[in-house]
Amino acid sequence: MSSEQTKKIKGDRAKQFKEGLRDGVPIALGYLAVSFTLGIQAKEAGMGITEATVMSLVNLTSAGEAAALTTIGSASSYLEMAVSQLIINLRYMLMSFALSQKVAPELGVLHRMCMAFGVTDEIFGISVAREGHLNPFYNYGAMSITIPGWTLGTFLGVLMGNVLPDRVVSALSLALYGMFLAIIVPKAREDRHVLIAVIVAMAASWLCTKLPVIREIPAGTQIILLTVIISLAAAVAFPVNEEQEASEHE
């Protein structure tokens, strides 16, 4: 490989990293607010600053950590902890499957594993919306700002306890919903198939909270079931033109 090609690759990596960093800023701000409440919950469960901070550093899942803190607070067994985490976080496996179709076939295992560590609902959202092949350095840029934001929020939550009013924390957490809208709306405006899938998903999610038997199913399991069913239905109803998709990746 010539020095000119090496410079081009390094320049592209730097560009991708900066774009990921930019797109990760609003996510990090939302994470800061959400994990602040998680830190308060960790303190109430009897965890110290170091324990709670390390937990958030290596576990990037709000629902999973909240469930874990509930399990810790009730002195439940390790088995119950493991089963609940498996069910709640199983959706990240589906997201990883989807992202694996966007990366270049020749991408190494180490890059894939590093990207997998940072798969969250929000990072998945901005990653899957990227055109063409997904560059791992884009994810690294997003992870470099979102992971510290998530960890810092937990640290401050344990440190400051219940200083901030609940209404203020709830208002700050709306940043995540705004970020999701910023991801979904442009794609829905470009492609009516995406718009239909989004509307169906929203309606189905609402129904799951109202139907007598289904509403008793854990939220994580509901998400997995809806993802599989709606994705399968969309794939059958709106098949992707493989030749067109290949040309977009080139």
Protein backbone atom coordinates (compact mmCIF):
# COMPACT_ATOMS: atom_id res chain seq x y z
CA MET A 1 0.00 0.00 0.00
CA SER A 2 1.42 3.40 -1.01
CA SER A 3 1.84 6.30 1.40
CA GLU A 4 -0.84 8.22 -0.50
CA GLN A 5 -3.37 5.43 0.00
CA THR A 6 -2.44 5.23 3.69
CA LYS A 7 -3.05 8.97 4.11
CA LYS A 8 -6.41 8.65 2.37
CA ILE A 9 -7.50 5.82 4.66
CA LYS A 10 -6.39 7.72 7.76
CA GLY A 11 -8.18 10.85 6.54
CA ASP A 12 -11.40 8.91 5.94
CA ARG A 13 -11.16 7.34 9.40
CA ALA A 14 -10.69 10.76 10.99
CA LYS A 15 -13.67 12.13 9.03
CA GLN A 16 -15.88 9.22 10.07
CA PHE A 17 -14.78 9.56 13.70
CA LYS A 18 -15.62 13.28 13.75
CA GLU A 19 -19.05 12.64 12.24
CA GLY A 20 -19.74 9.98 14.85
CA LEU A 21 -18.57 12.34 17.57
CA ARG A 22 -20.89 15.06 16.25
CA ASP A 23 -23.91 12.76 16.02
CA GLY A 24 -23.18 11.36 19.47
CA VAL A 25 -23.36 14.72 21.29
CA PRO A 26 -27.18 14.88 21.62
CA ILE A 27 -27.22 11.22 22.65
CA ALA A 28 -24.60 11.90 25.33
CA LEU A 29 -26.67 14.78 26.72
CA GLY A 30 -29.73 12.55 26.92
CA TYR A 31 -27.69 9.78 28.50
CA LEU A 32 -26.37 12.21 31.11
CA ALA A 33 -29.90 12.97 32.28
CA VAL A 34 -31.19 9.39 32.16
CA SER A 35 -28.19 7.87 33.92
CA PHE A 36 -28.40 10.58 36.59
CA THR A 37 -31.69 9.03 37.72
CA LEU A 38 -30.01 5.62 37.48
CA GLY A 39 -27.29 6.85 39.83
CA ILE A 40 -29.93 7.90 42.34
CA GLN A 41 -31.48 4.43 42.11
CA ALA A 42 -28.04 2.84 42.57
CA LYS A 43 -27.48 4.86 45.73
CA GLU A 44 -30.87 3.79 47.08
CA ALA A 45 -29.93 0.14 46.34
CA GLY A 46 -26.86 0.54 48.55
CA MET A 47 -24.17 0.90 45.87
CA GLY A 48 -21.21 3.24 46.26
CA ILE A 49 -19.86 5.69 43.68
CA THR A 50 -17.15 3.35 42.38
CA GLU A 51 -19.47 0.34 42.03
CA ALA A 52 -22.22 2.28 40.27
CA THR A 53 -19.80 4.10 37.95
CA VAL A 54 -18.06 0.90 36.86
CA MET A 55 -21.45 -0.74 36.31
CA SER A 56 -22.48 2.00 33.88
CA LEU A 57 -19.07 2.02 32.19
CA VAL A 58 -19.29 -1.66 31.21
CA ASN A 59 -23.08 -1.99 30.84
CA LEU A 60 -24.64 0.45 28.40
CA THR A 61 -28.28 -0.42 29.01
CA SER A 62 -30.75 1.69 30.96
CA ALA A 63 -33.47 -0.97 31.26
CA GLY A 64 -30.91 -3.67 32.06
CA GLU A 65 -29.20 -1.64 34.76
CA ALA A 66 -32.50 -0.54 36.27
CA ALA A 67 -33.61 -4.19 36.44
CA ALA A 68 -30.25 -5.17 37.93
CA LEU A 69 -30.56 -2.52 40.65
CA THR A 70 -34.06 -3.75 41.47
CA THR A 71 -32.68 -7.29 41.73
CA ILE A 72 -29.80 -6.12 43.94
CA GLY A 73 -32.13 -4.11 46.14
CA SER A 74 -34.41 -7.10 46.69
CA ALA A 75 -31.46 -9.45 47.37
CA SER A 76 -32.52 -11.82 44.58
CA SER A 77 -30.41 -14.67 43.24
CA TYR A 78 -27.72 -14.50 40.57
CA LEU A 79 -29.86 -16.79 38.39
CA GLU A 80 -32.75 -14.35 38.46
CA MET A 81 -30.34 -11.55 37.61
CA ALA A 82 -28.92 -13.49 34.63
CA VAL A 83 -32.32 -14.48 33.24
CA SER A 84 -33.75 -10.96 33.53
CA GLN A 85 -30.69 -9.46 31.81
CA LEU A 86 -30.90 -11.99 28.99
CA ILE A 87 -34.54 -11.20 28.29
CA ILE A 88 -34.23 -7.42 28.62
CA ASN A 89 -31.09 -7.09 26.50
CA LEU A 90 -31.85 -9.70 23.84
CA ARG A 91 -32.96 -6.95 21.46
CA TYR A 92 -29.34 -5.84 21.10
CA MET A 93 -28.64 -9.15 19.39
CA LEU A 94 -31.22 -8.28 16.74
CA MET A 95 -29.67 -4.83 16.33
CA SER A 96 -26.23 -6.39 15.93
CA PHE A 97 -27.58 -8.71 13.24
CA ALA A 98 -28.91 -5.69 11.35
CA LEU A 99 -25.65 -3.73 11.67
CA SER A 100 -23.62 -6.74 10.56
CA GLN A 101 -25.34 -6.39 7.17
CA LYS A 102 -24.14 -2.78 6.86
CA VAL A 103 -20.43 -3.29 7.49
CA ALA A 104 -18.00 -4.31 4.75
CA PRO A 105 -17.64 -8.11 4.41
CA GLU A 106 -13.87 -7.89 4.91
CA LEU A 107 -14.14 -6.02 8.23
CA GLY A 108 -12.14 -7.86 10.89
CA VAL A 109 -13.52 -9.60 13.96
CA LEU A 110 -11.84 -7.18 16.39
CA HIS A 111 -13.60 -4.18 14.84
CA ARG A 112 -16.91 -6.05 14.88
CA MET A 113 -16.50 -6.91 18.57
CA CYS A 114 -15.61 -3.31 19.49
CA MET A 115 -18.64 -2.02 17.58
CA ALA A 116 -20.86 -4.61 19.27
CA PHE A 117 -19.88 -3.34 22.72
CA GLY A 118 -21.34 0.07 21.90
CA VAL A 119 -24.66 -1.09 20.40
CA THR A 120 -27.43 0.77 22.19
CA ASP A 121 -30.88 1.79 20.95
CA GLU A 122 -29.66 5.29 20.11
CA ILE A 123 -26.29 4.39 18.57
CA PHE A 124 -28.05 1.72 16.52
CA GLY A 125 -30.48 4.38 15.31
CA ILE A 126 -27.81 6.75 13.99
CA SER A 127 -25.68 3.88 12.64
CA VAL A 128 -28.41 2.14 10.67
CA ALA A 129 -29.37 5.49 9.12
CA ARG A 130 -25.91 5.90 7.54
CA GLU A 131 -25.71 5.55 3.78
CA GLY A 132 -23.56 2.79 2.31
CA HIS A 133 -21.21 0.61 4.33
CA LEU A 134 -20.90 1.47 8.02
CA ASN A 135 -17.37 2.51 8.96
CA PRO A 136 -16.37 1.29 12.45
CA PHE A 137 -14.67 4.62 13.18
CA TYR A 138 -18.05 6.34 12.95
CA ASN A 139 -19.23 4.14 15.81
CA TYR A 140 -16.00 4.74 17.72
CA GLY A 141 -16.59 8.48 17.47
CA ALA A 142 -20.16 8.13 18.77
CA MET A 143 -19.05 5.78 21.54
CA SER A 144 -16.23 8.11 22.63
CA ILE A 145 -18.77 10.77 23.68
CA THR A 146 -21.84 8.71 24.63
CA ILE A 147 -20.12 6.24 26.96
CA PRO A 148 -18.51 9.00 29.10
CA GLY A 149 -21.86 10.82 29.14
CA TRP A 150 -23.65 7.73 30.40
CA THR A 151 -20.97 6.97 32.99
CA LEU A 152 -20.67 10.55 34.21
CA GLY A 153 -24.44 10.81 34.71
CA THR A 154 -24.43 7.75 36.96
CA PHE A 155 -21.47 9.12 38.91
CA LEU A 156 -23.22 12.46 39.48
CA GLY A 157 -26.48 10.73 40.38
CA VAL A 158 -24.82 8.76 43.18
CA LEU A 159 -22.78 11.77 44.29
CA MET A 160 -25.60 14.30 44.37
CA GLY A 161 -28.41 11.99 45.41
CA ASN A 162 -31.82 13.61 45.18
CA VAL A 163 -30.67 17.21 44.77
CA LEU A 164 -32.46 17.83 41.45
CA PRO A 165 -36.29 17.75 41.44
CA ASP A 166 -37.92 14.81 39.62
CA ARG A 167 -39.56 17.18 37.12
CA VAL A 168 -36.20 18.60 36.06
CA VAL A 169 -34.68 15.15 35.52
CA SER A 170 -37.74 14.01 33.55
CA ALA A 171 -37.55 17.12 31.37
CA LEU A 172 -33.86 16.52 30.63
CA SER A 173 -34.54 12.93 29.62
CA LEU A 174 -36.79 14.16 26.78
CA ALA A 175 -33.59 14.81 24.80
CA LEU A 176 -33.46 11.11 23.93
CA TYR A 177 -36.96 11.15 22.46
CA GLY A 178 -36.12 14.24 20.45
CA MET A 179 -33.02 12.50 19.12
CA PHE A 180 -35.10 9.48 18.02
CA LEU A 181 -37.48 11.77 16.15
CA ALA A 182 -34.52 13.42 14.42
CA ILE A 183 -33.46 9.96 13.17
CA ILE A 184 -36.88 8.65 12.16
CA VAL A 185 -38.55 11.67 10.55
CA PRO A 186 -36.07 12.27 7.66
CA LYS A 187 -36.06 8.57 6.70
CA ALA A 188 -39.85 8.39 6.91
CA ARG A 189 -40.16 11.43 4.63
CA GLU A 190 -37.79 9.89 2.07
CA ASP A 191 -39.34 6.42 1.97
CA ARG A 192 -43.05 5.73 2.44
CA HIS A 193 -42.25 2.10 3.30
CA VAL A 194 -40.29 3.31 6.32
CA LEU A 195 -43.17 5.63 7.22
CA ILE A 196 -45.64 2.74 7.11
CA ALA A 197 -43.35 0.54 9.24
CA VAL A 198 -42.93 3.34 11.81
CA ILE A 199 -46.69 3.97 12.06
CA VAL A 200 -47.41 0.24 12.41
CA ALA A 201 -44.68 -0.11 15.07
CA MET A 202 -46.03 2.84 17.06
CA ALA A 203 -49.59 1.53 16.89
CA ALA A 204 -48.51 -1.98 17.86
CA SER A 205 -46.45 -0.68 20.79
CA TRP A 206 -49.43 1.30 22.05
CA LEU A 207 -51.71 -1.74 21.74
CA CYS A 208 -49.22 -3.80 23.76
CA THR A 209 -49.72 -1.43 26.68
CA LYS A 210 -53.51 -1.80 26.52
CA LEU A 211 -54.27 -5.45 25.69
CA PRO A 212 -54.98 -7.43 28.91
CA VAL A 213 -52.59 -10.38 28.46
CA ILE A 214 -49.89 -8.81 26.30
CA ARG A 215 -49.36 -5.83 28.60
CA GLU A 216 -48.15 -8.23 31.29
CA ILE A 217 -45.23 -9.32 29.09
CA PRO A 218 -41.95 -7.57 30.04
CA ALA A 219 -41.15 -4.51 27.90
CA GLY A 220 -37.91 -6.03 26.61
CA THR A 221 -39.71 -9.13 25.36
CA GLN A 222 -42.40 -7.00 23.74
CA ILE A 223 -39.75 -5.07 21.83
CA ILE A 224 -38.13 -8.27 20.58
CA LEU A 225 -41.45 -9.78 19.43
CA LEU A 226 -42.57 -6.60 17.70
CA THR A 227 -39.19 -6.16 16.02
CA VAL A 228 -39.19 -9.67 14.60
CA ILE A 229 -42.85 -9.64 13.51
CA ILE A 230 -42.88 -6.15 11.97
CA SER A 231 -39.48 -6.57 10.31
CA LEU A 232 -40.56 -9.88 8.78
CA ALA A 233 -43.83 -8.41 7.57
CA ALA A 234 -42.04 -5.38 6.08
CA ALA A 235 -39.45 -7.61 4.37
CA VAL A 236 -42.23 -9.66 2.75
CA ALA A 237 -44.38 -6.67 1.82
CA PHE A 238 -41.56 -4.38 0.67
CA PRO A 239 -38.64 -6.54 -0.54
CA VAL A 240 -35.33 -4.75 -1.10
CA ASN A 241 -33.92 -4.60 -4.61
CA GLU A 242 -30.56 -6.34 -4.09
CA GLU A 243 -28.98 -4.80 -7.20
CA GLN A 244 -29.96 -1.31 -6.08
CA GLU A 245 -28.71 -1.95 -2.54
CA ALA A 246 -25.36 -3.21 -3.88
CA SER A 247 -24.93 -0.10 -6.02
CA GLU A 248 -25.60 2.12 -2.99
CA HIS A 249 -22.86 0.38 -1.01
CA GLU A 250 -20.29 0.88 -3.76
